[in-house]
PDB file of N, CA and C in Angstrom:
ATOM      1  N   MET A   1      72.345  44.203 127.672  1.00  0.00           N
ATOM      2  CA  MET A   1      73.312  45.344 127.565  1.00  0.00           C
ATOM      3  C   MET A   1      73.221  46.146 129.028  1.00  0.00           C
ATOM      4  N   ASN A   2      74.714  46.729 129.038  1.00  0.00           N
ATOM      5  CA  ASN A   2      74.798  47.509 130.167  1.00  0.00           C
ATOM      6  C   ASN A   2      74.894  48.908 129.756  1.00  0.00           C
ATOM      7  N   ALA A   3      74.941  50.156 130.328  1.00  0.00           N
ATOM      8  CA  ALA A   3      74.915  51.357 130.325  1.00  0.00           C
ATOM      9  C   ALA A   3      76.083  51.523 129.506  1.00  0.00           C
ATOM     10  N   LYS A   4      77.226  51.177 129.458  1.00  0.00           N
ATOM     11  CA  LYS A   4      78.214  51.437 128.552  1.00  0.00           C
ATOM     12  C   LYS A   4      77.783  51.074 126.928  1.00  0.00           C
ATOM     13  N   ASP A   5      77.325  49.869 127.149  1.00  0.00           N
ATOM     14  CA  ASP A   5      76.984  49.097 125.686  1.00  0.00           C
ATOM     15  C   ASP A   5      75.741  50.343 125.194  1.00  0.00           C
ATOM     16  N   ARG A   6      74.668  50.567 125.928  1.00  0.00           N
ATOM     17  CA  ARG A   6      73.870  51.561 125.543  1.00  0.00           C
ATOM     18  C   ARG A   6      74.487  52.931 124.898  1.00  0.00           C
ATOM     19  N   LYS A   7      75.302  53.340 125.634  1.00  0.00           N
ATOM     20  CA  LYS A   7      76.022  54.819 125.282  1.00  0.00           C
ATOM     21  C   LYS A   7      76.857  54.496 124.045  1.00  0.00           C
ATOM     22  N   LYS A   8      77.457  53.627 123.821  1.00  0.00           N
ATOM     23  CA  LYS A   8      78.174  53.045 122.641  1.00  0.00           C
ATOM     24  C   LYS A   8      77.205  52.789 121.446  1.00  0.00           C
ATOM     25  N   LEU A   9      75.727  52.239 121.493  1.00  0.00           N
ATOM     26  CA  LEU A   9      75.111  51.995 120.475  1.00  0.00           C
ATOM     27  C   LEU A   9      74.719  53.616 120.028  1.00  0.00           C
ATOM     28  N   LEU A  10      74.144  54.769 120.853  1.00  0.00           N
ATOM     29  CA  LEU A  10      73.626  55.723 120.879  1.00  0.00           C
ATOM     30  C   LEU A  10      75.123  56.579 119.753  1.00  0.00           C
ATOM     31  N   ILE A  11      76.236  56.664 120.534  1.00  0.00           N
ATOM     32  CA  ILE A  11      77.337  56.982 119.469  1.00  0.00           C
ATOM     33  C   ILE A  11      77.294  56.422 118.188  1.00  0.00           C
ATOM     34  N   ASP A  12      77.336  55.051 117.826  1.00  0.00           N
ATOM     35  CA  ASP A  12      77.121  54.310 116.772  1.00  0.00           C
ATOM     36  C   ASP A  12      76.035  54.883 115.637  1.00  0.00           C
ATOM     37  N   LEU A  13      75.026  55.298 116.233  1.00  0.00           N
ATOM     38  CA  LEU A  13      73.955  55.840 115.803  1.00  0.00           C
ATOM     39  C   LEU A  13      73.789  57.515 115.587  1.00  0.00           C
ATOM     40  N   ASP A  14      74.987  57.952 115.918  1.00  0.00           N
ATOM     41  CA  ASP A  14      75.179  59.414 115.865  1.00  0.00           C
ATOM     42  C   ASP A  14      74.007  60.227 116.500  1.00  0.00           C
ATOM     43  N   LEU A  15      73.833  59.690 117.678  1.00  0.00           N
ATOM     44  CA  LEU A  15      72.540  60.019 118.504  1.00  0.00           C
ATOM     45  C   LEU A  15      72.939  60.541 119.818  1.00  0.00           C
ATOM     46  N   THR A  16      72.682  61.868 120.187  1.00  0.00           N
ATOM     47  CA  THR A  16      72.895  62.282 121.447  1.00  0.00           C
ATOM     48  C   THR A  16      71.593  61.981 122.445  1.00  0.00           C
ATOM     49  N   ILE A  17      71.938  62.020 123.761  1.00  0.00           N
ATOM     50  CA  ILE A  17      70.586  61.636 124.678  1.00  0.00           C
ATOM     51  C   ILE A  17      69.832  62.839 124.279  1.00  0.00           C
ATOM     52  N   VAL A  18      70.254  64.135 124.293  1.00  0.00           N
ATOM     53  CA  VAL A  18      69.313  65.183 123.984  1.00  0.00           C
ATOM     54  C   VAL A  18      68.530  65.332 122.905  1.00  0.00           C
ATOM     55  N   GLU A  19      68.853  64.411 121.846  1.00  0.00           N
ATOM     56  CA  GLU A  19      68.035  64.163 120.460  1.00  0.00           C
ATOM     57  C   GLU A  19      67.297  62.949 120.952  1.00  0.00           C
ATOM     58  N   LEU A  20      67.660  62.216 121.422  1.00  0.00           N
ATOM     59  CA  LEU A  20      66.820  61.217 121.832  1.00  0.00           C
ATOM     60  C   LEU A  20      65.873  61.160 122.646  1.00  0.00           C
ATOM     61  N   ALA A  21      66.040  62.259 123.599  1.00  0.00           N
ATOM     62  CA  ALA A  21      64.951  62.440 124.595  1.00  0.00           C
ATOM     63  C   ALA A  21      63.942  63.314 123.735  1.00  0.00           C
ATOM     64  N   ARG A  22      64.483  64.343 122.677  1.00  0.00           N
ATOM     65  CA  ARG A  22      63.503  65.260 121.997  1.00  0.00           C
ATOM     66  C   ARG A  22      62.378  63.989 121.214  1.00  0.00           C
ATOM     67  N   ARG A  23      63.202  63.150 120.251  1.00  0.00           N
ATOM     68  CA  ARG A  23      62.296  62.279 119.665  1.00  0.00           C
ATOM     69  C   ARG A  23      61.232  61.313 120.506  1.00  0.00           C
ATOM     70  N   ILE A  24      61.676  61.140 121.702  1.00  0.00           N
ATOM     71  CA  ILE A  24      60.766  60.149 122.431  1.00  0.00           C
ATOM     72  C   ILE A  24      59.862  61.260 123.460  1.00  0.00           C
ATOM     73  N   GLY A  25      59.954  62.609 123.531  1.00  0.00           N
ATOM     74  CA  GLY A  25      59.322  63.219 124.268  1.00  0.00           C
ATOM     75  C   GLY A  25      59.167  63.161 125.808  1.00  0.00           C
ATOM     76  N   ARG A  26      60.791  62.843 126.030  1.00  0.00           N
ATOM     77  CA  ARG A  26      60.935  62.574 127.481  1.00  0.00           C
ATOM     78  C   ARG A  26      62.053  63.912 127.818  1.00  0.00           C
ATOM     79  N   ASP A  27      62.006  64.065 128.906  1.00  0.00           N
ATOM     80  CA  ASP A  27      63.236  65.088 129.439  1.00  0.00           C
ATOM     81  C   ASP A  27      64.626  64.610 129.680  1.00  0.00           C
ATOM     82  N   LYS A  28      65.647  65.202 129.036  1.00  0.00           N
ATOM     83  CA  LYS A  28      67.040  64.706 128.975  1.00  0.00           C
ATOM     84  C   LYS A  28      67.350  63.921 130.141  1.00  0.00           C
ATOM     85  N   SER A  29      67.363  64.411 131.396  1.00  0.00           N
ATOM     86  CA  SER A  29      67.709  64.108 132.805  1.00  0.00           C
ATOM     87  C   SER A  29      66.843  62.611 133.040  1.00  0.00           C
ATOM     88  N   TRP A  30      65.904  62.420 132.420  1.00  0.00           N
ATOM     89  CA  TRP A  30      64.992  61.336 132.681  1.00  0.00           C
ATOM     90  C   TRP A  30      65.622  60.170 131.662  1.00  0.00           C
ATOM     91  N   VAL A  31      65.923  60.531 130.685  1.00  0.00           N
ATOM     92  CA  VAL A  31      66.664  59.645 129.666  1.00  0.00           C
ATOM     93  C   VAL A  31      67.893  59.303 130.120  1.00  0.00           C
ATOM     94  N   THR A  32      68.642  60.082 130.674  1.00  0.00           N
ATOM     95  CA  THR A  32      70.049  59.801 130.919  1.00  0.00           C
ATOM     96  C   THR A  32      70.058  58.817 132.174  1.00  0.00           C
ATOM     97  N   GLN A  33      68.864  59.118 132.983  1.00  0.00           N
ATOM     98  CA  GLN A  33      68.882  58.108 134.353  1.00  0.00           C
ATOM     99  C   GLN A  33      68.375  56.468 134.003  1.00  0.00           C
ATOM    100  N   THR A  34      67.547  56.869 132.725  1.00  0.00           N
ATOM    101  CA  THR A  34      66.980  55.587 132.386  1.00  0.00           C
ATOM    102  C   THR A  34      68.277  54.936 131.657  1.00  0.00           C
ATOM    103  N   ILE A  35      68.852  55.251 130.695  1.00  0.00           N
ATOM    104  CA  ILE A  35      70.061  54.764 130.157  1.00  0.00           C
ATOM    105  C   ILE A  35      71.198  54.180 131.116  1.00  0.00           C
ATOM    106  N   HIS A  36      71.429  54.630 132.141  1.00  0.00           N
ATOM    107  CA  HIS A  36      72.016  54.383 133.164  1.00  0.00           C
ATOM    108  C   HIS A  36      71.698  53.463 134.207  1.00  0.00           C
ATOM    109  N   GLU A  37      70.348  53.119 134.030  1.00  0.00           N
ATOM    110  CA  GLU A  37      69.489  52.457 134.976  1.00  0.00           C
ATOM    111  C   GLU A  37      69.647  52.710 136.187  1.00  0.00           C
ATOM    112  N   ARG A  38      69.680  53.988 136.514  1.00  0.00           N
ATOM    113  CA  ARG A  38      69.129  54.750 137.730  1.00  0.00           C
ATOM    114  C   ARG A  38      67.562  54.635 138.088  1.00  0.00           C
ATOM    115  N   LYS A  39      67.064  54.909 137.118  1.00  0.00           N
ATOM    116  CA  LYS A  39      65.483  54.747 137.033  1.00  0.00           C
ATOM    117  C   LYS A  39      65.077  53.345 136.035  1.00  0.00           C
ATOM    118  N   HIS A  40      64.113  52.736 136.401  1.00  0.00           N
ATOM    119  CA  HIS A  40      63.388  51.930 135.795  1.00  0.00           C
ATOM    120  C   HIS A  40      62.184  52.079 135.043  1.00  0.00           C
ATOM    121  N   PRO A  41      62.026  53.084 134.608  1.00  0.00           N
ATOM    122  CA  PRO A  41      60.635  53.505 134.105  1.00  0.00           C
ATOM    123  C   PRO A  41      60.359  52.814 132.706  1.00  0.00           C
ATOM    124  N   ARG A  42      59.557  51.650 132.951  1.00  0.00           N
ATOM    125  CA  ARG A  42      59.194  50.827 131.917  1.00  0.00           C
ATOM    126  C   ARG A  42      58.642  51.500 130.623  1.00  0.00           C
ATOM    127  N   PRO A  43      57.877  52.669 130.754  1.00  0.00           N
ATOM    128  CA  PRO A  43      57.492  52.968 129.240  1.00  0.00           C
ATOM    129  C   PRO A  43      58.460  53.918 128.794  1.00  0.00           C
ATOM    130  N   THR A  44      59.177  54.537 129.499  1.00  0.00           N
ATOM    131  CA  THR A  44      60.723  55.024 128.667  1.00  0.00           C
ATOM    132  C   THR A  44      61.488  54.272 127.970  1.00  0.00           C
ATOM    133  N   GLN A  45      61.742  53.084 128.776  1.00  0.00           N
ATOM    134  CA  GLN A  45      62.610  51.935 128.326  1.00  0.00           C
ATOM    135  C   GLN A  45      62.061  51.327 127.012  1.00  0.00           C
ATOM    136  N   GLU A  46      60.788  51.489 126.912  1.00  0.00           N
ATOM    137  CA  GLU A  46      59.996  50.612 125.683  1.00  0.00           C
ATOM    138  C   GLU A  46      60.085  51.663 124.394  1.00  0.00           C
ATOM    139  N   LEU A  47      59.901  52.996 124.777  1.00  0.00           N
ATOM    140  CA  LEU A  47      60.505  54.366 124.029  1.00  0.00           C
ATOM    141  C   LEU A  47      61.693  54.270 123.524  1.00  0.00           C
ATOM    142  N   ILE A  48      62.354  54.264 124.226  1.00  0.00           N
ATOM    143  CA  ILE A  48      63.537  54.110 123.818  1.00  0.00           C
ATOM    144  C   ILE A  48      64.436  52.799 123.066  1.00  0.00           C
ATOM    145  N   ALA A  49      63.723  51.792 123.313  1.00  0.00           N
ATOM    146  CA  ALA A  49      64.009  50.808 122.633  1.00  0.00           C
ATOM    147  C   ALA A  49      63.518  50.635 121.275  1.00  0.00           C
ATOM    148  N   LYS A  50      62.377  51.338 121.082  1.00  0.00           N
ATOM    149  CA  LYS A  50      61.604  51.061 119.836  1.00  0.00           C
ATOM    150  C   LYS A  50      62.395  52.397 118.672  1.00  0.00           C
ATOM    151  N   GLU A  51      62.896  53.390 119.660  1.00  0.00           N
ATOM    152  CA  GLU A  51      63.387  54.357 118.690  1.00  0.00           C
ATOM    153  C   GLU A  51      64.936  53.911 118.238  1.00  0.00           C
ATOM    154  N   LEU A  52      65.525  53.063 119.130  1.00  0.00           N
ATOM    155  CA  LEU A  52      66.718  52.581 118.790  1.00  0.00           C
ATOM    156  C   LEU A  52      66.741  51.259 117.875  1.00  0.00           C
ATOM    157  N   ASN A  53      65.463  50.868 117.758  1.00  0.00           N
ATOM    158  CA  ASN A  53      65.430  49.461 117.209  1.00  0.00           C
ATOM    159  C   ASN A  53      65.742  48.370 117.678  1.00  0.00           C
ATOM    160  N   VAL A  54      65.681  48.251 118.800  1.00  0.00           N
ATOM    161  CA  VAL A  54      66.440  47.199 119.661  1.00  0.00           C
ATOM    162  C   VAL A  54      65.511  46.355 120.566  1.00  0.00           C
ATOM    163  N   PRO A  55      65.301  45.269 120.617  1.00  0.00           N
ATOM    164  CA  PRO A  55      64.325  44.714 121.564  1.00  0.00           C
ATOM    165  C   PRO A  55      64.666  45.177 122.991  1.00  0.00           C
ATOM    166  N   VAL A  56      63.196  45.668 123.597  1.00  0.00           N
ATOM    167  CA  VAL A  56      63.670  46.085 124.762  1.00  0.00           C
ATOM    168  C   VAL A  56      64.395  45.228 125.980  1.00  0.00           C
ATOM    169  N   ASP A  57      63.911  44.056 126.050  1.00  0.00           N
ATOM    170  CA  ASP A  57      64.531  43.206 126.799  1.00  0.00           C
ATOM    171  C   ASP A  57      66.121  42.839 126.800  1.00  0.00           C
ATOM    172  N   ILE A  58      66.391  43.125 125.365  1.00  0.00           N
ATOM    173  CA  ILE A  58      67.961  43.079 125.054  1.00  0.00           C
ATOM    174  C   ILE A  58      68.613  44.468 125.587  1.00  0.00           C
ATOM    175  N   LEU A  59      68.077  45.358 125.150  1.00  0.00           N
ATOM    176  CA  LEU A  59      68.606  46.822 125.534  1.00  0.00           C
ATOM    177  C   LEU A  59      68.367  46.887 127.134  1.00  0.00           C
ATOM    178  N   PHE A  60      67.378  46.728 127.779  1.00  0.00           N
ATOM    179  CA  PHE A  60      67.432  46.778 129.151  1.00  0.00           C
ATOM    180  C   PHE A  60      67.010  45.589 130.028  1.00  0.00           C
ATOM    181  N   PRO A  61      68.113  44.757 130.349  1.00  0.00           N
ATOM    182  CA  PRO A  61      67.924  43.420 130.988  1.00  0.00           C
ATOM    183  C   PRO A  61      66.851  43.612 132.093  1.00  0.00           C
ATOM    184  N   SER A  62      66.766  44.655 132.655  1.00  0.00           N
ATOM    185  CA  SER A  62      66.041  44.732 133.946  1.00  0.00           C
ATOM    186  C   SER A  62      64.405  44.970 133.553  1.00  0.00           C
ATOM    187  N   HIS A  63      64.533  45.192 132.472  1.00  0.00           N
ATOM    188  CA  HIS A  63      62.769  44.996 132.142  1.00  0.00           C
ATOM    189  C   HIS A  63      62.114  43.752 131.949  1.00  0.00           C
ATOM    190  N   ARG A  64      63.043  42.718 131.502  1.00  0.00           N
ATOM    191  CA  ARG A  64      62.046  41.402 131.622  1.00  0.00           C
ATOM    192  C   ARG A  64      62.090  41.055 133.041  1.00  0.00           C
ATOM    193  N   ARG A  65      63.010  41.612 133.941  1.00  0.00           N
ATOM    194  CA  ARG A  65      62.928  41.135 135.255  1.00  0.00           C
ATOM    195  C   ARG A  65      61.623  41.710 136.231  1.00  0.00           C
ATOM    196  N   ALA A  66      61.227  43.131 135.588  1.00  0.00           N
ATOM    197  CA  ALA A  66      60.418  43.863 136.222  1.00  0.00           C
ATOM    198  C   ALA A  66      58.976  43.482 135.658  1.00  0.00           C
ATOM    199  N   ALA A  67      59.039  42.795 134.567  1.00  0.00           N
ATOM    200  CA  ALA A  67      57.656  42.359 134.262  1.00  0.00           C
ATOM    201  C   ALA A  67      56.924  41.384 135.213  1.00  0.00           C
TER     202      ALA A  67
END
């Protein structure tokens, strides 16, 4: 998935980045940067994937390369 696909998924789930950040206990700007892959924090990617119920390597292809 790319950033556009991830944002569409959030829209489809009726979930804002602010709400996602609250649910996973991360700062909104950190989650935004992770969603857009400006930063690649593996723990945050894993939390987001778990919350969205999508495998992390599908949601963030860079996660697989960074392993």
